Amino acid sequence: MKSLDSIQKTFHVFKVLSKVAMVFCIVIAALCAVGSLCVFAVSSGGHVFSLFGQPIDNIVVGNDYNQSLIEILSSIPILVADAILFGFSYSYLKKEEYDKTPFTKSGAKTIRKLGIKYIYIPIIAIIIAETICIVLGNDSLDNVSDFSNLSSVITGIVLILASLIFDYGAELEEKVNNA
């Protein structure tokens, strides 16, 4: 049972890390929202911060306020999607810690659903980010930064494969308990 104990410890570490990452994504998304308001205020002729009576307008890279606004606003849906995925991951890991084994039918089903979410949620976020770019006058996110969901698709596939292994492990555990 040493291996099951090490699995439990590893899952506990990932549970903590997923919660920290979720909170981090939420905080950064909120800061992006505030930053976009600051950029909008500066682009409208006002200033947001001052130091010794002098306005500080270093929020914007260069003088392209629209480009800065696009970069900040298009980051928000990506961060929100990551926060949602980390929240679902935390939820699974909390359930697994309660079950004390990943080899349960319900756990396998949950991780399979999580794998599917890792595939489609980032796609939705990228569509929303692209829409923001187009609405604000930029042709595509290609000019803003490199948004790719390849890593999330791979993660989703790995989670789906892990769910099959966990399902098989649950079947073997059930056979041993019934014998």
C-alpha atoms as a PDB file:
ATOM      1  CA  MET A   1       0.000   0.000   0.000  1.00  0.00           C
ATOM      2  CA  LYS A   2       3.037   2.280  -0.162  1.00  0.00           C
ATOM      3  CA  SER A   3       2.160   3.226  -3.709  1.00  0.00           C
ATOM      4  CA  LEU A   4      -1.415   4.179  -2.740  1.00  0.00           C
ATOM      5  CA  ASP A   5      -0.031   6.350   0.070  1.00  0.00           C
ATOM      6  CA  SER A   6       2.304   8.105  -2.348  1.00  0.00           C
ATOM      7  CA  ILE A   7      -0.598   8.597  -4.778  1.00  0.00           C
ATOM      8  CA  GLN A   8      -2.648  10.151  -1.959  1.00  0.00           C
ATOM      9  CA  LYS A   9       0.205  12.480  -0.975  1.00  0.00           C
ATOM     10  CA  THR A  10       0.747  13.506  -4.581  1.00  0.00           C
ATOM     11  CA  PHE A  11      -2.964  14.143  -5.102  1.00  0.00           C
ATOM     12  CA  HIS A  12      -3.011  16.232  -1.918  1.00  0.00           C
ATOM     13  CA  VAL A  13      -0.143  18.384  -3.223  1.00  0.00           C
ATOM     14  CA  PHE A  14      -1.953  18.848  -6.541  1.00  0.00           C
ATOM     15  CA  LYS A  15      -5.156  19.714  -4.685  1.00  0.00           C
ATOM     16  CA  VAL A  16      -3.383  22.521  -2.858  1.00  0.00           C
ATOM     17  CA  LEU A  17      -1.649  23.688  -6.035  1.00  0.00           C
ATOM     18  CA  SER A  18      -4.920  23.718  -7.983  1.00  0.00           C
ATOM     19  CA  LYS A  19      -6.590  25.864  -5.331  1.00  0.00           C
ATOM     20  CA  VAL A  20      -3.655  28.299  -5.295  1.00  0.00           C
ATOM     21  CA  ALA A  21      -3.683  28.469  -9.107  1.00  0.00           C
ATOM     22  CA  MET A  22      -7.450  29.038  -9.150  1.00  0.00           C
ATOM     23  CA  VAL A  23      -7.173  31.938  -6.698  1.00  0.00           C
ATOM     24  CA  PHE A  24      -4.199  33.335  -8.642  1.00  0.00           C
ATOM     25  CA  CYS A  25      -6.176  33.279 -11.911  1.00  0.00           C
ATOM     26  CA  ILE A  26      -9.141  35.007 -10.270  1.00  0.00           C
ATOM     27  CA  VAL A  27      -6.915  37.727  -8.789  1.00  0.00           C
ATOM     28  CA  ILE A  28      -5.096  38.327 -12.084  1.00  0.00           C
ATOM     29  CA  ALA A  29      -8.414  38.450 -13.999  1.00  0.00           C
ATOM     30  CA  ALA A  30      -9.713  41.035 -11.502  1.00  0.00           C
ATOM     31  CA  LEU A  31      -6.504  43.051 -11.887  1.00  0.00           C
ATOM     32  CA  CYS A  32      -6.911  42.888 -15.676  1.00  0.00           C
ATOM     33  CA  ALA A  33     -10.447  44.238 -15.332  1.00  0.00           C
ATOM     34  CA  VAL A  34      -9.199  47.111 -13.163  1.00  0.00           C
ATOM     35  CA  GLY A  35      -6.293  47.660 -15.550  1.00  0.00           C
ATOM     36  CA  SER A  36      -8.645  47.922 -18.503  1.00  0.00           C
ATOM     37  CA  LEU A  37     -10.607  50.602 -16.657  1.00  0.00           C
ATOM     38  CA  CYS A  38      -7.344  52.447 -15.992  1.00  0.00           C
ATOM     39  CA  VAL A  39      -6.320  52.253 -19.659  1.00  0.00           C
ATOM     40  CA  PHE A  40      -9.765  53.505 -20.681  1.00  0.00           C
ATOM     41  CA  ALA A  41      -9.481  56.441 -18.254  1.00  0.00           C
ATOM     42  CA  VAL A  42      -6.004  57.346 -19.519  1.00  0.00           C
ATOM     43  CA  SER A  43      -7.088  57.066 -23.147  1.00  0.00           C
ATOM     44  CA  SER A  44      -9.996  59.410 -22.414  1.00  0.00           C
ATOM     45  CA  GLY A  45      -7.599  62.117 -21.276  1.00  0.00           C
ATOM     46  CA  GLY A  46      -7.628  61.491 -17.539  1.00  0.00           C
ATOM     47  CA  HIS A  47      -5.047  59.980 -15.289  1.00  0.00           C
ATOM     48  CA  VAL A  48      -5.438  57.301 -12.695  1.00  0.00           C
ATOM     49  CA  PHE A  49      -2.329  57.414 -10.545  1.00  0.00           C
ATOM     50  CA  SER A  50      -0.210  60.315  -9.429  1.00  0.00           C
ATOM     51  CA  LEU A  51       2.997  60.549  -7.471  1.00  0.00           C
ATOM     52  CA  PHE A  52       3.962  63.853  -5.862  1.00  0.00           C
ATOM     53  CA  GLY A  53       1.281  65.582  -7.909  1.00  0.00           C
ATOM     54  CA  GLN A  54       2.583  64.267 -11.246  1.00  0.00           C
ATOM     55  CA  PRO A  55       0.401  61.832 -13.246  1.00  0.00           C
ATOM     56  CA  ILE A  56       1.774  58.347 -13.807  1.00  0.00           C
ATOM     57  CA  ASP A  57       0.673  56.979 -17.164  1.00  0.00           C
ATOM     58  CA  ASN A  58       3.011  53.998 -17.519  1.00  0.00           C
ATOM     59  CA  ILE A  59       0.160  51.479 -17.662  1.00  0.00           C
ATOM     60  CA  VAL A  60       0.050  51.658 -21.432  1.00  0.00           C
ATOM     61  CA  VAL A  61       2.876  50.309 -23.555  1.00  0.00           C
ATOM     62  CA  GLY A  62       3.611  53.183 -25.891  1.00  0.00           C
ATOM     63  CA  ASN A  63       0.681  55.337 -26.904  1.00  0.00           C
ATOM     64  CA  ASP A  64      -1.460  52.611 -28.452  1.00  0.00           C
ATOM     65  CA  TYR A  65      -4.282  52.601 -25.920  1.00  0.00           C
ATOM     66  CA  ASN A  66      -6.557  50.456 -28.063  1.00  0.00           C
ATOM     67  CA  GLN A  67      -3.902  47.738 -28.417  1.00  0.00           C
ATOM     68  CA  SER A  68      -3.260  47.776 -24.652  1.00  0.00           C
ATOM     69  CA  LEU A  69      -6.989  47.558 -23.968  1.00  0.00           C
ATOM     70  CA  ILE A  70      -7.321  44.634 -26.383  1.00  0.00           C
ATOM     71  CA  GLU A  71      -4.430  42.777 -24.738  1.00  0.00           C
ATOM     72  CA  ILE A  72      -5.820  43.249 -21.252  1.00  0.00           C
ATOM     73  CA  LEU A  73      -9.459  42.477 -22.080  1.00  0.00           C
ATOM     74  CA  SER A  74      -8.660  39.427 -24.208  1.00  0.00           C
ATOM     75  CA  SER A  75      -6.662  37.949 -21.317  1.00  0.00           C
ATOM     76  CA  ILE A  76      -9.671  37.964 -18.987  1.00  0.00           C
ATOM     77  CA  PRO A  77     -11.674  35.100 -20.590  1.00  0.00           C
ATOM     78  CA  ILE A  78      -8.538  32.948 -20.773  1.00  0.00           C
ATOM     79  CA  LEU A  79      -7.847  33.547 -17.076  1.00  0.00           C
ATOM     80  CA  VAL A  80     -11.472  32.878 -16.138  1.00  0.00           C
ATOM     81  CA  ALA A  81     -11.412  29.612 -18.101  1.00  0.00           C
ATOM     82  CA  ASP A  82      -8.216  28.578 -16.309  1.00  0.00           C
ATOM     83  CA  ALA A  83      -9.787  29.445 -12.948  1.00  0.00           C
ATOM     84  CA  ILE A  84     -12.831  27.320 -13.800  1.00  0.00           C
ATOM     85  CA  LEU A  85     -10.658  24.372 -14.829  1.00  0.00           C
ATOM     86  CA  PHE A  86      -8.528  24.642 -11.698  1.00  0.00           C
ATOM     87  CA  GLY A  87     -11.743  24.776  -9.660  1.00  0.00           C
ATOM     88  CA  PHE A  88     -13.024  21.584 -11.265  1.00  0.00           C
ATOM     89  CA  SER A  89      -9.609  19.965 -10.737  1.00  0.00           C
ATOM     90  CA  TYR A  90      -9.660  20.964  -7.069  1.00  0.00           C
ATOM     91  CA  SER A  91     -13.140  19.531  -6.755  1.00  0.00           C
ATOM     92  CA  TYR A  92     -12.048  16.183  -8.216  1.00  0.00           C
ATOM     93  CA  LEU A  93      -8.925  16.025  -6.049  1.00  0.00           C
ATOM     94  CA  LYS A  94     -10.949  16.824  -2.941  1.00  0.00           C
ATOM     95  CA  LYS A  95     -13.355  13.984  -3.817  1.00  0.00           C
ATOM     96  CA  GLU A  96     -10.465  11.611  -4.455  1.00  0.00           C
ATOM     97  CA  GLU A  97      -8.887  12.521  -1.127  1.00  0.00           C
ATOM     98  CA  TYR A  98     -12.200  11.777   0.592  1.00  0.00           C
ATOM     99  CA  ASP A  99     -12.526   8.411  -1.211  1.00  0.00           C
ATOM    100  CA  LYS A 100      -8.891   7.593  -0.293  1.00  0.00           C
ATOM    101  CA  THR A 101      -8.334   5.995  -3.699  1.00  0.00           C
ATOM    102  CA  PRO A 102      -8.557   7.103  -7.320  1.00  0.00           C
ATOM    103  CA  PHE A 103      -9.873   3.660  -8.252  1.00  0.00           C
ATOM    104  CA  THR A 104     -13.625   4.208  -7.949  1.00  0.00           C
ATOM    105  CA  LYS A 105     -16.270   4.150 -10.651  1.00  0.00           C
ATOM    106  CA  SER A 106     -17.541   7.603  -9.685  1.00  0.00           C
ATOM    107  CA  GLY A 107     -13.990   8.988  -9.564  1.00  0.00           C
ATOM    108  CA  ALA A 108     -13.237   7.620 -13.020  1.00  0.00           C
ATOM    109  CA  LYS A 109     -16.442   9.162 -14.351  1.00  0.00           C
ATOM    110  CA  THR A 110     -15.591  12.509 -12.745  1.00  0.00           C
ATOM    111  CA  ILE A 111     -12.072  12.589 -14.179  1.00  0.00           C
ATOM    112  CA  ARG A 112     -13.431  11.666 -17.614  1.00  0.00           C
ATOM    113  CA  LYS A 113     -15.810  14.641 -17.440  1.00  0.00           C
ATOM    114  CA  LEU A 114     -12.899  16.799 -16.279  1.00  0.00           C
ATOM    115  CA  GLY A 115     -10.882  15.698 -19.312  1.00  0.00           C
ATOM    116  CA  ILE A 116     -13.722  16.692 -21.619  1.00  0.00           C
ATOM    117  CA  LYS A 117     -13.965  20.091 -19.882  1.00  0.00           C
ATOM    118  CA  TYR A 118     -10.219  20.596 -20.384  1.00  0.00           C
ATOM    119  CA  ILE A 119     -10.846  20.252 -24.112  1.00  0.00           C
ATOM    120  CA  TYR A 120     -13.885  22.477 -24.656  1.00  0.00           C
ATOM    121  CA  ILE A 121     -13.660  25.256 -22.027  1.00  0.00           C
ATOM    122  CA  PRO A 122     -10.414  26.763 -23.407  1.00  0.00           C
ATOM    123  CA  ILE A 123     -11.899  26.684 -26.910  1.00  0.00           C
ATOM    124  CA  ILE A 124     -14.854  28.753 -25.690  1.00  0.00           C
ATOM    125  CA  ALA A 125     -12.471  31.173 -23.941  1.00  0.00           C
ATOM    126  CA  ILE A 126     -10.405  31.623 -27.097  1.00  0.00           C
ATOM    127  CA  ILE A 127     -13.572  32.307 -29.119  1.00  0.00           C
ATOM    128  CA  ILE A 128     -14.599  34.982 -26.595  1.00  0.00           C
ATOM    129  CA  ALA A 129     -11.083  36.501 -26.626  1.00  0.00           C
ATOM    130  CA  GLU A 130     -11.103  36.566 -30.455  1.00  0.00           C
ATOM    131  CA  THR A 131     -14.527  38.229 -30.390  1.00  0.00           C
ATOM    132  CA  ILE A 132     -13.197  40.925 -28.050  1.00  0.00           C
ATOM    133  CA  CYS A 133     -10.305  41.554 -30.443  1.00  0.00           C
ATOM    134  CA  ILE A 134     -12.571  41.832 -33.451  1.00  0.00           C
ATOM    135  CA  VAL A 135     -15.096  44.091 -31.679  1.00  0.00           C
ATOM    136  CA  LEU A 136     -12.307  46.419 -30.537  1.00  0.00           C
ATOM    137  CA  GLY A 137     -10.886  46.664 -34.046  1.00  0.00           C
ATOM    138  CA  ASN A 138      -8.066  44.151 -34.130  1.00  0.00           C
ATOM    139  CA  ASP A 139      -8.114  41.471 -36.817  1.00  0.00           C
ATOM    140  CA  SER A 140      -7.033  38.594 -34.624  1.00  0.00           C
ATOM    141  CA  LEU A 141      -5.321  37.526 -31.439  1.00  0.00           C
ATOM    142  CA  ASP A 142      -2.285  36.664 -33.561  1.00  0.00           C
ATOM    143  CA  ASN A 143      -1.194  40.279 -33.229  1.00  0.00           C
ATOM    144  CA  VAL A 144      -1.852  40.312 -29.485  1.00  0.00           C
ATOM    145  CA  SER A 145      -0.278  37.114 -28.198  1.00  0.00           C
ATOM    146  CA  ASP A 146      -0.112  33.399 -28.710  1.00  0.00           C
ATOM    147  CA  PHE A 147      -3.291  31.796 -27.415  1.00  0.00           C
ATOM    148  CA  SER A 148      -3.217  28.085 -28.051  1.00  0.00           C
ATOM    149  CA  ASN A 149      -5.313  25.348 -26.563  1.00  0.00           C
ATOM    150  CA  LEU A 150      -3.011  22.508 -27.626  1.00  0.00           C
ATOM    151  CA  SER A 151      -1.780  21.949 -24.072  1.00  0.00           C
ATOM    152  CA  SER A 152      -5.321  21.830 -22.710  1.00  0.00           C
ATOM    153  CA  VAL A 153      -6.372  19.360 -25.411  1.00  0.00           C
ATOM    154  CA  ILE A 154      -3.422  17.138 -24.532  1.00  0.00           C
ATOM    155  CA  THR A 155      -4.269  17.465 -20.821  1.00  0.00           C
ATOM    156  CA  GLY A 156      -7.880  16.530 -21.597  1.00  0.00           C
ATOM    157  CA  ILE A 157      -6.810  13.460 -23.538  1.00  0.00           C
ATOM    158  CA  VAL A 158      -4.445  12.378 -20.743  1.00  0.00           C
ATOM    159  CA  LEU A 159      -7.237  12.811 -18.168  1.00  0.00           C
ATOM    160  CA  ILE A 160      -9.633  10.741 -20.288  1.00  0.00           C
ATOM    161  CA  LEU A 161      -6.990   8.001 -20.611  1.00  0.00           C
ATOM    162  CA  ALA A 162      -6.345   8.179 -16.838  1.00  0.00           C
ATOM    163  CA  SER A 163     -10.082   7.765 -16.261  1.00  0.00           C
ATOM    164  CA  LEU A 164     -10.003   4.532 -18.253  1.00  0.00           C
ATOM    165  CA  ILE A 165      -7.108   3.271 -16.121  1.00  0.00           C
ATOM    166  CA  PHE A 166      -8.893   4.294 -12.910  1.00  0.00           C
ATOM    167  CA  ASP A 167     -12.055   2.592 -14.122  1.00  0.00           C
ATOM    168  CA  TYR A 168     -10.104  -0.599 -14.782  1.00  0.00           C
ATOM    169  CA  GLY A 169      -8.483  -0.313 -11.343  1.00  0.00           C
ATOM    170  CA  ALA A 170     -11.944   0.054  -9.781  1.00  0.00           C
ATOM    171  CA  GLU A 171     -13.070  -3.119 -11.562  1.00  0.00           C
ATOM    172  CA  LEU A 172     -10.014  -5.024 -10.283  1.00  0.00           C
ATOM    173  CA  GLU A 173     -10.558  -3.740  -6.755  1.00  0.00           C
ATOM    174  CA  GLU A 174     -14.189  -4.785  -6.942  1.00  0.00           C
ATOM    175  CA  LYS A 175     -13.197  -8.310  -8.066  1.00  0.00           C
ATOM    176  CA  VAL A 176     -10.709  -8.620  -5.195  1.00  0.00           C
ATOM    177  CA  ASN A 177     -13.275  -7.430  -2.638  1.00  0.00           C
ATOM    178  CA  ASN A 178     -15.940  -9.852  -3.965  1.00  0.00           C
ATOM    179  CA  ALA A 179     -13.589 -12.856  -4.044  1.00  0.00           C
END
